[in-house]
Amino acid sequence: MDYKRIENTIYLRVDKGESVTKSIYDICRKENILTGYFQGIGACDKAEISSWEPEKNDFNVSYIEGMLEMVSLMGNISEGDSGEPFLHGHAVFSSFSEKGNIIVAAGHLQDARINYTGEIIIKTADEKIRRMTDIDTGIDIWDLS
């Protein structure tokens, strides 16, 4: 992993074998980022994505492997309960089936491992946005008060 900061924008390169979410989190801790957003692209060989299932009050997790193009990564950064960065990201991955058909998988990004390179842009904000637990759903949402 390597990065360059230009004012309130960070250009992050995630290298082969590295975790996408850990790399973003590590930069947030190193650069004291508690509010912002990120977007990116890359090539991965493993990904863990999920979607929230209200009936179960839990995430439905899917694991995918192979040559995966991370065609879109987007998310936000806010301050979690412990004062640490809280990442909330979603991603879209594409790959080819054995018959050559395009397969697309998308959802809440738990993690992904880079196979070639990942290019991520992090935009920071000066003000802090914290997380709070929503009483109705039990999920962590922005506290905009």
Protein backbone atom coordinates (compact mmCIF):
# COMPACT_ATOMS: atom_id res chain seq x y z
CA MET A 1 0.00 0.00 0.00
CA ASP A 2 1.13 3.50 -0.75
CA TYR A 3 -0.61 6.84 -0.79
CA LYS A 4 -0.25 10.51 -1.50
CA ARG A 5 -2.17 13.32 0.16
CA ILE A 6 -3.01 16.48 -1.78
CA GLU A 7 -4.90 18.90 0.48
CA ASN A 8 -8.08 17.08 1.60
CA THR A 9 -7.79 14.26 -0.96
CA ILE A 10 -5.84 11.03 -0.51
CA TYR A 11 -4.85 8.85 -3.46
CA LEU A 12 -4.42 5.31 -2.16
CA ARG A 13 -2.88 2.41 -4.06
CA VAL A 14 -3.65 -1.00 -2.57
CA ASP A 15 -1.20 -3.68 -3.68
CA LYS A 16 -1.51 -7.38 -4.49
CA GLY A 17 -2.55 -9.49 -1.51
CA GLU A 18 -3.71 -6.53 0.59
CA SER A 19 -7.14 -5.96 2.10
CA VAL A 20 -9.22 -3.13 0.67
CA THR A 21 -11.04 -2.31 3.92
CA LYS A 22 -7.97 -2.66 6.13
CA SER A 23 -5.98 -0.36 3.83
CA ILE A 24 -8.66 2.34 3.95
CA TYR A 25 -9.00 1.94 7.72
CA ASP A 26 -5.22 2.11 8.25
CA ILE A 27 -4.97 5.34 6.24
CA CYS A 28 -7.89 6.83 8.21
CA ARG A 29 -6.12 6.06 11.48
CA LYS A 30 -2.73 7.29 10.25
CA GLU A 31 -4.15 10.53 8.82
CA ASN A 32 -6.73 11.07 11.63
CA ILE A 33 -9.70 10.89 9.24
CA LEU A 34 -13.05 10.57 11.01
CA THR A 35 -15.34 11.96 8.32
CA GLY A 36 -15.25 11.70 4.54
CA TYR A 37 -16.03 9.45 1.64
CA PHE A 38 -14.16 7.09 -0.66
CA GLN A 39 -14.48 5.64 -4.13
CA GLY A 40 -12.34 3.26 -6.12
CA ILE A 41 -11.72 0.53 -8.64
CA GLY A 42 -9.42 -2.48 -8.79
CA ALA A 43 -8.81 -6.13 -9.48
CA CYS A 44 -9.47 -8.64 -6.69
CA ASP A 45 -9.36 -12.39 -6.22
CA LYS A 46 -11.62 -12.65 -3.15
CA ALA A 47 -14.51 -10.59 -1.85
CA GLU A 48 -16.96 -10.79 0.99
CA ILE A 49 -20.17 -8.84 0.44
CA SER A 50 -23.42 -8.77 2.34
CA SER A 51 -26.90 -7.35 2.49
CA TRP A 52 -28.97 -6.54 5.56
CA GLU A 53 -31.90 -8.84 6.25
CA PRO A 54 -34.36 -7.12 8.60
CA GLU A 55 -36.24 -10.36 9.32
CA LYS A 56 -33.06 -11.92 10.72
CA ASN A 57 -31.73 -8.65 12.13
CA ASP A 58 -28.41 -9.65 10.59
CA PHE A 59 -26.37 -9.61 7.39
CA ASN A 60 -26.63 -12.28 4.69
CA VAL A 61 -22.97 -12.79 3.70
CA SER A 62 -21.71 -14.03 0.32
CA TYR A 63 -18.15 -15.03 -0.54
CA ILE A 64 -16.90 -14.82 -4.10
CA GLU A 65 -13.55 -15.83 -5.58
CA GLY A 66 -11.82 -15.71 -8.95
CA MET A 67 -10.67 -12.93 -11.23
CA LEU A 68 -12.94 -10.14 -9.98
CA GLU A 69 -13.08 -6.65 -11.38
CA MET A 70 -14.07 -4.23 -8.65
CA VAL A 71 -15.92 -1.95 -11.06
CA SER A 72 -17.23 0.35 -8.36
CA LEU A 73 -16.39 0.97 -4.74
CA MET A 74 -18.06 3.75 -2.81
CA GLY A 75 -18.58 4.50 0.82
CA ASN A 76 -18.37 6.91 3.68
CA ILE A 77 -16.29 7.41 6.79
CA SER A 78 -17.71 8.56 10.09
CA GLU A 79 -16.71 8.40 13.74
CA GLY A 80 -17.76 5.19 15.48
CA ASP A 81 -18.73 4.74 19.13
CA SER A 82 -15.14 4.09 20.19
CA GLY A 83 -13.85 7.23 18.47
CA GLU A 84 -12.32 5.13 15.69
CA PRO A 85 -13.10 5.50 11.97
CA PHE A 86 -16.28 3.66 10.95
CA LEU A 87 -16.29 2.57 7.28
CA HIS A 88 -19.54 1.97 5.43
CA GLY A 89 -18.81 0.80 1.90
CA HIS A 90 -20.59 -0.88 -0.98
CA ALA A 91 -18.99 -2.48 -4.02
CA VAL A 92 -19.84 -4.01 -7.37
CA PHE A 93 -17.74 -6.90 -8.72
CA SER A 94 -17.85 -8.51 -12.15
CA SER A 95 -16.36 -11.75 -13.43
CA PHE A 96 -16.90 -14.31 -16.19
CA SER A 97 -18.56 -17.70 -15.80
CA GLU A 98 -17.04 -20.83 -17.34
CA LYS A 99 -19.35 -20.27 -20.33
CA GLY A 100 -18.13 -16.69 -20.74
CA ASN A 101 -21.20 -15.00 -19.32
CA ILE A 102 -20.74 -11.92 -17.20
CA ILE A 103 -21.55 -12.37 -13.52
CA VAL A 104 -22.17 -9.34 -11.31
CA ALA A 105 -22.24 -9.33 -7.51
CA ALA A 106 -22.85 -6.29 -5.36
CA GLY A 107 -23.58 -5.31 -1.80
CA HIS A 108 -22.19 -4.05 1.47
CA LEU A 109 -18.42 -4.59 1.35
CA GLN A 110 -17.12 -6.59 4.29
CA ASP A 111 -13.71 -7.00 2.63
CA ALA A 112 -11.90 -7.78 -0.60
CA ARG A 113 -8.35 -8.86 -1.39
CA ILE A 114 -6.49 -7.15 -4.21
CA ASN A 115 -5.14 -9.42 -6.94
CA TYR A 116 -3.34 -6.79 -9.06
CA THR A 117 -3.96 -3.25 -7.86
CA GLY A 118 -6.62 -1.12 -6.26
CA GLU A 119 -6.93 2.63 -6.77
CA ILE A 120 -8.96 4.44 -4.15
CA ILE A 121 -9.62 8.13 -3.61
CA ILE A 122 -10.49 9.32 -0.11
CA LYS A 123 -11.99 12.77 0.33
CA THR A 124 -11.81 14.12 3.87
CA ALA A 125 -14.01 16.60 5.73
CA ASP A 126 -13.08 18.99 8.53
CA GLU A 127 -16.27 18.52 10.57
CA LYS A 128 -17.01 15.21 12.33
CA ILE A 129 -20.06 13.06 11.77
CA ARG A 130 -20.64 10.40 14.41
CA ARG A 131 -22.64 7.18 14.33
CA MET A 132 -25.58 6.33 16.56
CA THR A 133 -27.80 3.28 16.87
CA ASP A 134 -31.24 3.68 15.31
CA ILE A 135 -33.83 2.54 17.87
CA ASP A 136 -36.29 1.27 15.23
CA THR A 137 -33.85 -0.81 13.15
CA GLY A 138 -30.93 -1.45 15.50
CA ILE A 139 -28.41 -0.42 12.84
CA ASP A 140 -25.77 2.30 13.10
CA ILE A 141 -26.75 5.47 11.27
CA TRP A 142 -25.37 9.01 10.98
CA ASP A 143 -26.00 11.26 13.95
CA LEU A 144 -26.60 14.61 12.25
CA SER A 145 -27.73 16.50 15.35
